[in-house]
Amino acid sequence: MRKSLYYKDDDVRLSLLHGNYVTLTNLSKKDITQIIKYRISPINVSIHTLDPKLREYMIGRKDTNSFNYIKQLAKAGIRFNCQIVCCPGVNDGWELSKTIEGLMQLGRSIKSVSVVPVGLTKHRQGLACLDAFDKKLALQTVRQVEHYGEKCLKKRGRRVFFCADELYMLAGIKLPGRRFYEDYPQLENGVGMMRLFISEFNKTMKSTDKECRGDRSQSPVLSEKSRKVILVTGTLAAPYLTKLLQDFSKKYGKMEKQSLRHTFQIKAITNNFFGDSVTVSGLITGQDIIKQLKDIEPGSLLLIPQNMLRHGENVFLDDITVEEVSEALGAEIKAVKQNGAELFKVLKSAMHWENNDA
């Protein structure tokens, strides 16, 4: 795995500039004064719990003043986006309620809070033994957080507290609607990411459909070119992308009857590198893609989400490059932005649509 992933940063300035989540455990009184003076706000903070001893256990470092600093900064008008990485048997249940209620007492200084399930990889030598979320606990946690979200909505006009999409998926319940997520304040923590993606895809497809009805010369007709297009994703997002692809195919051909010359497929990659309990697409490695797609048709087009790659580079988490994966599979690879509209446009382009007059 690339070396930069082992580097941890706790710089408040980077929290403001790049969205990093910090623990505030390395701050001095001088730092607090500087934050207030230069209005460094909002700050993204990994809270996890308001119990000092439990927090020390969870983050693995001494913590004597963090919450006092937060209260001092809040009083000075500094605002916070917070995340709670929820670990079953550690900071869930009653402990989670106490944490949420403590944050609610800080009022409008808390802009948003995400509750994210702990991600457990198979590389845990020397780490605490933790349990993963099961369906029952995921559902319980979703309902618990939604309860506090409703209280804030009535009091402040905003929910403030949200669960990551993964908890809804693990619970096996429907994702909330678009309006539930307001202005998507915790999108980078996976809160509402799938709902936004679905909304973007459907909105663009509907818009395109209207254009085609308004001008029949623009209706899609498949060209004679033939190519297999494969959407590569993690096991968590696969069912949702499958549904989008089915909706796409109902409009532009029956995928199940192979009436599309360009066959579209979903390939969910099992994460053998980190462990199969890791289901998100952003942690898929090049080597897992190569091993699990070795039998695909040569010349296929693989669509991968950009979050599989290092920012600004064509490199997967295991330092394997896009070019190396492409060569190993004999396929073209295109990285697609995590945007539903962008995926629709790429699918549309891959079909090689032509005018009816062609």
Protein backbone atom coordinates (compact mmCIF):
# COMPACT_ATOMS: atom_id res chain seq x y z
CA MET A 1 0.00 0.00 0.00
CA ARG A 2 1.31 3.48 -0.83
CA LYS A 3 3.29 5.18 1.96
CA SER A 4 1.17 8.34 2.15
CA LEU A 5 -1.75 6.31 3.52
CA TYR A 6 0.18 5.64 6.71
CA TYR A 7 0.66 9.35 7.42
CA LYS A 8 -1.75 10.95 9.87
CA ASP A 9 -2.19 14.69 10.00
CA ASP A 10 -3.88 16.71 12.74
CA ASP A 11 -3.48 20.21 11.37
CA VAL A 12 -6.52 22.45 11.91
CA ARG A 13 -5.52 24.58 8.92
CA LEU A 14 -5.80 21.56 6.64
CA SER A 15 -9.20 20.85 8.14
CA LEU A 16 -10.40 24.22 6.87
CA LEU A 17 -8.60 24.06 3.50
CA HIS A 18 -9.00 20.41 2.54
CA GLY A 19 -11.74 19.00 4.79
CA ASN A 20 -9.46 16.83 6.93
CA TYR A 21 -10.98 15.57 10.17
CA VAL A 22 -8.80 16.34 13.20
CA THR A 23 -8.89 15.24 16.84
CA LEU A 24 -7.78 18.56 18.45
CA THR A 25 -5.56 16.59 20.84
CA ASN A 26 -2.40 18.47 19.80
CA LEU A 27 -3.69 22.01 20.39
CA SER A 28 -2.14 24.48 22.82
CA LYS A 29 -3.73 27.58 24.37
CA LYS A 30 -1.82 29.62 21.79
CA ASP A 31 -3.39 27.57 18.99
CA ILE A 32 -6.85 28.27 20.39
CA THR A 33 -6.10 32.00 20.41
CA GLN A 34 -4.90 31.85 16.79
CA ILE A 35 -7.99 29.93 15.64
CA ILE A 36 -10.24 32.56 17.19
CA LYS A 37 -8.14 35.47 15.92
CA TYR A 38 -8.07 34.27 12.31
CA ARG A 39 -11.60 32.83 12.37
CA ILE A 40 -10.57 29.36 11.25
CA SER A 41 -14.09 28.00 10.84
CA PRO A 42 -15.67 25.57 10.32
CA ILE A 43 -13.36 22.91 11.74
CA ASN A 44 -13.94 19.23 10.97
CA VAL A 45 -13.51 17.17 14.14
CA SER A 46 -13.48 13.44 14.81
CA ILE A 47 -15.48 13.32 18.03
CA HIS A 48 -16.40 9.61 18.48
CA THR A 49 -17.36 10.18 22.13
CA LEU A 50 -17.41 12.94 24.75
CA ASP A 51 -16.15 10.59 27.47
CA PRO A 52 -12.46 11.61 27.85
CA LYS A 53 -11.18 8.17 28.88
CA LEU A 54 -13.13 6.36 26.19
CA ARG A 55 -11.96 8.88 23.60
CA GLU A 56 -8.34 8.30 24.62
CA TYR A 57 -8.89 4.58 24.15
CA MET A 58 -10.48 5.06 20.73
CA ILE A 59 -7.96 7.49 19.23
CA GLY A 60 -4.92 6.01 20.97
CA ARG A 61 -3.54 9.21 22.46
CA LYS A 62 -3.92 11.32 25.57
CA ASP A 63 -6.83 13.76 25.53
CA THR A 64 -7.34 16.12 28.44
CA ASN A 65 -8.74 19.33 26.95
CA SER A 66 -10.36 18.67 23.57
CA PHE A 67 -13.97 19.09 24.62
CA ASN A 68 -13.12 22.11 26.74
CA TYR A 69 -11.41 23.60 23.69
CA ILE A 70 -14.49 22.89 21.58
CA LYS A 71 -16.72 24.67 24.09
CA GLN A 72 -14.29 27.61 24.24
CA LEU A 73 -14.14 27.87 20.46
CA ALA A 74 -17.91 27.49 20.15
CA LYS A 75 -18.41 30.35 22.58
CA ALA A 76 -16.15 32.48 20.35
CA GLY A 77 -18.29 31.70 17.28
CA ILE A 78 -16.23 28.90 15.72
CA ARG A 79 -18.38 26.21 14.12
CA PHE A 80 -17.82 22.49 13.68
CA ASN A 81 -18.64 19.59 11.40
CA CYS A 82 -18.22 16.42 13.42
CA GLN A 83 -17.94 12.72 12.71
CA ILE A 84 -18.61 9.84 15.04
CA VAL A 85 -17.06 6.56 13.95
CA CYS A 86 -19.41 4.16 15.70
CA CYS A 87 -17.97 0.92 17.06
CA PRO A 88 -20.38 -1.78 18.32
CA GLY A 89 -19.96 -2.35 22.04
CA VAL A 90 -17.70 0.69 22.43
CA ASN A 91 -19.43 3.98 21.65
CA ASP A 92 -22.81 2.88 20.31
CA GLY A 93 -26.16 2.63 22.08
CA TRP A 94 -26.46 4.67 25.26
CA GLU A 95 -22.95 6.07 24.81
CA LEU A 96 -23.89 7.34 21.36
CA SER A 97 -26.97 9.05 22.78
CA LYS A 98 -24.89 10.79 25.44
CA THR A 99 -22.46 12.02 22.78
CA ILE A 100 -25.24 13.34 20.55
CA GLU A 101 -27.01 15.05 23.46
CA GLY A 102 -23.74 16.66 24.56
CA LEU A 103 -23.19 18.05 21.08
CA MET A 104 -26.77 19.32 20.92
CA GLN A 105 -26.06 21.45 23.99
CA LEU A 106 -23.51 23.39 21.91
CA GLY A 107 -26.36 24.69 19.77
CA ARG A 108 -25.70 26.23 16.37
CA SER A 109 -21.92 25.93 16.72
CA ILE A 110 -22.41 22.32 15.59
CA LYS A 111 -23.20 22.55 11.87
CA SER A 112 -23.49 18.84 11.15
CA VAL A 113 -22.64 15.43 12.58
CA SER A 114 -22.21 12.15 10.71
CA VAL A 115 -22.43 8.74 12.34
CA VAL A 116 -20.29 6.32 10.35
CA PRO A 117 -19.91 2.56 10.98
CA VAL A 118 -16.40 1.41 11.84
CA GLY A 119 -14.59 -0.11 8.87
CA LEU A 120 -12.74 -3.29 9.77
CA THR A 121 -10.01 -4.65 7.51
CA LYS A 122 -8.25 -7.97 7.89
CA HIS A 123 -5.01 -6.11 8.65
CA ARG A 124 -5.58 -5.58 12.38
CA GLN A 125 -2.45 -6.95 14.03
CA GLY A 126 -1.91 -5.22 17.37
CA LEU A 127 -5.26 -3.42 17.21
CA ALA A 128 -8.26 -3.75 19.51
CA CYS A 129 -10.71 -6.55 18.79
CA LEU A 130 -13.83 -4.90 17.39
CA ASP A 131 -17.15 -6.23 16.14
CA ALA A 132 -18.74 -5.25 12.87
CA PHE A 133 -22.28 -3.93 12.51
CA ASP A 134 -24.97 -6.50 11.83
CA LYS A 135 -28.38 -5.78 10.30
CA LYS A 136 -30.17 -5.42 13.64
CA LEU A 137 -27.66 -3.01 15.16
CA ALA A 138 -27.45 -0.98 11.96
CA LEU A 139 -31.24 -0.51 11.99
CA GLN A 140 -31.21 0.40 15.67
CA THR A 141 -28.48 2.99 15.10
CA VAL A 142 -30.26 4.52 12.10
CA ARG A 143 -33.49 4.94 14.07
CA GLN A 144 -31.58 6.33 17.05
CA VAL A 145 -29.80 8.99 15.00
CA GLU A 146 -32.94 9.83 13.01
CA HIS A 147 -34.74 10.45 16.34
CA TYR A 148 -32.24 13.16 17.28
CA GLY A 149 -32.30 14.49 13.73
CA GLU A 150 -36.05 15.00 14.00
CA LYS A 151 -35.64 16.83 17.32
CA CYS A 152 -33.10 19.20 15.76
CA LEU A 153 -35.30 19.69 12.70
CA LYS A 154 -38.18 20.87 14.90
CA LYS A 155 -35.94 23.08 17.03
CA ARG A 156 -33.46 24.48 14.48
CA GLY A 157 -35.01 23.78 11.11
CA ARG A 158 -32.11 21.43 10.24
CA ARG A 159 -31.45 17.79 11.06
CA VAL A 160 -27.76 18.24 12.00
CA PHE A 161 -27.35 14.50 12.75
CA PHE A 162 -27.13 11.99 9.88
CA CYS A 163 -26.13 8.37 9.36
CA ALA A 164 -23.79 7.33 6.58
CA ASP A 165 -25.39 5.54 3.63
CA GLU A 166 -23.62 2.34 4.67
CA LEU A 167 -25.76 2.01 7.80
CA TYR A 168 -28.96 2.18 5.74
CA MET A 169 -27.56 -0.40 3.35
CA LEU A 170 -26.48 -2.71 6.18
CA ALA A 171 -29.90 -2.33 7.79
CA GLY A 172 -31.53 -3.31 4.49
CA ILE A 173 -33.85 -0.30 4.43
CA LYS A 174 -34.61 2.26 1.77
CA LEU A 175 -32.39 5.32 1.54
CA PRO A 176 -34.06 8.59 2.60
CA GLY A 177 -35.26 10.94 -0.13
CA ARG A 178 -33.27 13.85 -1.53
CA ARG A 179 -34.84 16.48 0.75
CA PHE A 180 -33.87 14.54 3.87
CA TYR A 181 -30.21 15.41 3.27
CA GLU A 182 -30.85 19.15 2.94
CA ASP A 183 -27.67 20.65 1.42
CA TYR A 184 -25.63 17.43 1.87
CA PRO A 185 -23.35 18.79 4.65
CA GLN A 186 -21.57 15.46 5.21
CA LEU A 187 -21.27 14.20 1.65
CA GLU A 188 -17.55 13.39 1.97
CA ASN A 189 -18.39 11.07 4.87
CA GLY A 190 -20.74 9.06 2.68
CA VAL A 191 -23.90 10.74 3.98
CA GLY A 192 -26.41 11.00 1.14
CA MET A 193 -23.80 10.20 -1.50
CA MET A 194 -25.82 7.41 -3.09
CA ARG A 195 -29.09 9.38 -2.95
CA LEU A 196 -27.43 12.34 -4.68
CA PHE A 197 -25.87 10.04 -7.29
CA ILE A 198 -29.24 8.43 -8.06
CA SER A 199 -30.95 11.82 -8.27
CA GLU A 200 -28.30 13.18 -10.65
CA PHE A 201 -28.54 10.11 -12.90
CA ASN A 202 -32.34 10.11 -13.07
CA LYS A 203 -32.56 13.88 -13.61
CA THR A 204 -30.14 13.72 -16.54
CA MET A 205 -31.90 10.69 -18.06
CA LYS A 206 -35.28 12.41 -17.76
CA SER A 207 -33.90 15.56 -19.35
CA THR A 208 -32.41 13.58 -22.23
CA ASP A 209 -35.67 11.69 -22.71
CA LYS A 210 -37.58 15.00 -23.03
CA GLU A 211 -35.09 16.24 -25.63
CA CYS A 212 -35.56 13.06 -27.65
CA ARG A 213 -39.39 13.35 -27.55
CA GLY A 214 -39.18 16.98 -28.57
CA ASP A 215 -36.93 16.30 -31.55
CA ARG A 216 -37.21 12.79 -33.01
CA SER A 217 -34.10 13.33 -35.10
CA GLN A 218 -32.19 13.23 -31.81
CA SER A 219 -33.65 9.89 -30.69
CA PRO A 220 -30.91 7.34 -29.96
CA VAL A 221 -30.12 4.68 -32.53
CA LEU A 222 -27.32 2.22 -31.91
CA SER A 223 -24.48 2.16 -34.39
CA GLU A 224 -23.01 -1.03 -35.76
CA LYS A 225 -20.05 -0.86 -33.42
CA SER A 226 -20.11 -3.43 -30.64
CA ARG A 227 -18.36 -3.22 -27.29
CA LYS A 228 -18.89 -4.56 -23.80
CA VAL A 229 -19.07 -1.88 -21.12
CA ILE A 230 -18.44 -2.97 -17.53
CA LEU A 231 -19.14 -0.83 -14.47
CA VAL A 232 -16.66 -1.79 -11.76
CA THR A 233 -17.73 -1.08 -8.19
CA GLY A 234 -17.73 -2.36 -4.62
CA THR A 235 -20.27 -4.83 -3.29
CA LEU A 236 -22.09 -2.11 -1.31
CA ALA A 237 -23.03 0.09 -4.27
CA ALA A 238 -23.59 -2.73 -6.76
CA PRO A 239 -27.35 -3.21 -6.18
CA TYR A 240 -28.02 0.52 -6.62
CA LEU A 241 -25.96 0.78 -9.80
CA THR A 242 -27.66 -2.35 -11.11
CA LYS A 243 -31.04 -0.66 -10.66
CA LEU A 244 -29.84 2.46 -12.49
CA LEU A 245 -28.49 0.34 -15.33
CA GLN A 246 -31.78 -1.53 -15.56
CA ASP A 247 -33.69 1.76 -15.76
CA PHE A 248 -31.27 2.96 -18.43
CA SER A 249 -31.74 -0.25 -20.42
CA LYS A 250 -35.54 -0.13 -20.22
CA LYS A 251 -35.40 3.16 -22.07
CA TYR A 252 -32.71 2.29 -24.58
CA GLY A 253 -32.94 -1.46 -25.01
CA LYS A 254 -33.68 -4.61 -23.04
CA MET A 255 -30.42 -5.57 -21.35
CA GLU A 256 -31.71 -8.97 -20.23
CA LYS A 257 -32.59 -9.91 -23.83
CA GLN A 258 -29.24 -8.69 -25.10
CA SER A 259 -30.98 -6.41 -27.61
CA LEU A 260 -28.34 -3.77 -26.97
CA ARG A 261 -25.35 -4.24 -29.23
CA HIS A 262 -23.27 -2.79 -26.44
CA THR A 263 -23.81 -5.04 -23.44
CA PHE A 264 -23.67 -3.21 -20.12
CA GLN A 265 -22.68 -5.12 -17.02
CA ILE A 266 -22.01 -4.50 -13.33
CA LYS A 267 -19.00 -6.19 -11.75
CA ALA A 268 -18.90 -6.02 -7.96
CA ILE A 269 -15.33 -6.54 -6.73
CA THR A 270 -14.85 -8.47 -3.50
CA ASN A 271 -12.14 -6.76 -1.46
CA ASN A 272 -9.58 -9.50 -0.87
CA PHE A 273 -6.80 -7.02 -0.17
CA PHE A 274 -8.42 -5.41 2.90
CA GLY A 275 -10.92 -8.18 3.62
CA ASP A 276 -14.39 -8.93 2.29
CA SER A 277 -16.01 -6.90 5.09
CA VAL A 278 -14.73 -3.78 3.29
CA THR A 279 -17.43 -3.12 0.72
CA VAL A 280 -16.89 0.46 -0.52
CA SER A 281 -15.56 1.15 -4.01
CA GLY A 282 -12.95 3.66 -2.82
CA LEU A 283 -10.85 0.93 -1.20
CA ILE A 284 -10.68 -1.46 -4.15
CA THR A 285 -7.17 -2.26 -5.35
CA GLY A 286 -5.74 -2.85 -8.78
CA GLN A 287 -4.70 -6.40 -7.99
CA ASP A 288 -8.25 -7.39 -6.97
CA ILE A 289 -9.62 -5.97 -10.22
CA ILE A 290 -7.05 -7.90 -12.26
CA LYS A 291 -7.72 -11.21 -10.47
CA GLN A 292 -11.51 -10.97 -10.56
CA LEU A 293 -11.91 -9.65 -14.11
CA LYS A 294 -9.30 -11.81 -15.80
CA ASP A 295 -11.95 -13.58 -17.91
CA ILE A 296 -13.61 -10.49 -19.40
CA GLU A 297 -13.90 -10.06 -23.14
CA PRO A 298 -10.76 -8.41 -24.62
CA GLY A 299 -11.38 -4.85 -25.77
CA SER A 300 -14.03 -4.19 -23.13
CA LEU A 301 -14.43 -0.76 -21.62
CA LEU A 302 -14.15 -0.69 -17.83
CA LEU A 303 -15.75 2.25 -16.03
CA ILE A 304 -14.30 2.81 -12.55
CA PRO A 305 -15.19 5.55 -10.04
CA GLN A 306 -12.49 8.18 -9.61
CA ASN A 307 -12.31 7.55 -5.86
CA MET A 308 -10.53 4.26 -6.55
CA LEU A 309 -7.50 6.29 -7.59
CA ARG A 310 -5.06 8.54 -5.82
CA HIS A 311 -6.14 12.17 -6.21
CA GLY A 312 -4.80 13.58 -9.46
CA GLU A 313 -3.06 10.33 -10.44
CA ASN A 314 -3.81 7.03 -12.18
CA VAL A 315 -2.72 4.86 -9.25
CA PHE A 316 -4.75 2.45 -7.11
CA LEU A 317 -4.23 2.00 -3.34
CA ASP A 318 -1.76 -0.85 -3.90
CA ASP A 319 0.44 1.29 -6.20
CA ILE A 320 -0.73 -0.56 -9.30
CA THR A 321 -1.40 1.88 -12.12
CA VAL A 322 -4.43 2.11 -14.39
CA GLU A 323 -2.14 1.33 -17.33
CA GLU A 324 -0.97 -1.87 -15.66
CA VAL A 325 -4.54 -3.04 -15.04
CA SER A 326 -5.49 -2.12 -18.61
CA GLU A 327 -2.59 -4.10 -20.04
CA ALA A 328 -3.26 -7.12 -17.82
CA LEU A 329 -6.93 -7.31 -18.86
CA GLY A 330 -6.63 -6.12 -22.44
CA ALA A 331 -9.29 -3.52 -21.75
CA GLU A 332 -9.68 0.23 -21.87
CA ILE A 333 -10.27 1.86 -18.47
CA LYS A 334 -12.08 5.12 -17.92
CA ALA A 335 -12.29 6.79 -14.51
CA VAL A 336 -15.69 8.44 -14.01
CA LYS A 337 -16.44 11.21 -11.54
CA GLN A 338 -18.68 10.25 -8.60
CA ASN A 339 -21.56 12.00 -10.25
CA GLY A 340 -24.74 10.40 -11.58
CA ALA A 341 -25.03 12.84 -14.47
CA GLU A 342 -21.48 12.04 -15.51
CA LEU A 343 -22.14 8.29 -15.46
CA PHE A 344 -25.22 8.72 -17.64
CA LYS A 345 -23.25 10.76 -20.16
CA VAL A 346 -20.49 8.14 -20.27
CA LEU A 347 -23.02 5.33 -20.82
CA LYS A 348 -24.69 7.37 -23.52
CA SER A 349 -21.36 8.01 -25.21
CA ALA A 350 -20.40 4.33 -24.95
CA MET A 351 -23.50 3.37 -26.92
CA HIS A 352 -22.30 5.43 -29.93
CA TRP A 353 -25.72 6.96 -30.42
CA GLU A 354 -26.58 8.30 -33.86
CA ASN A 355 -29.45 10.34 -35.31
CA ASN A 356 -32.42 8.56 -36.89
CA ASP A 357 -31.51 10.22 -40.19
CA ALA A 358 -28.06 8.62 -40.20
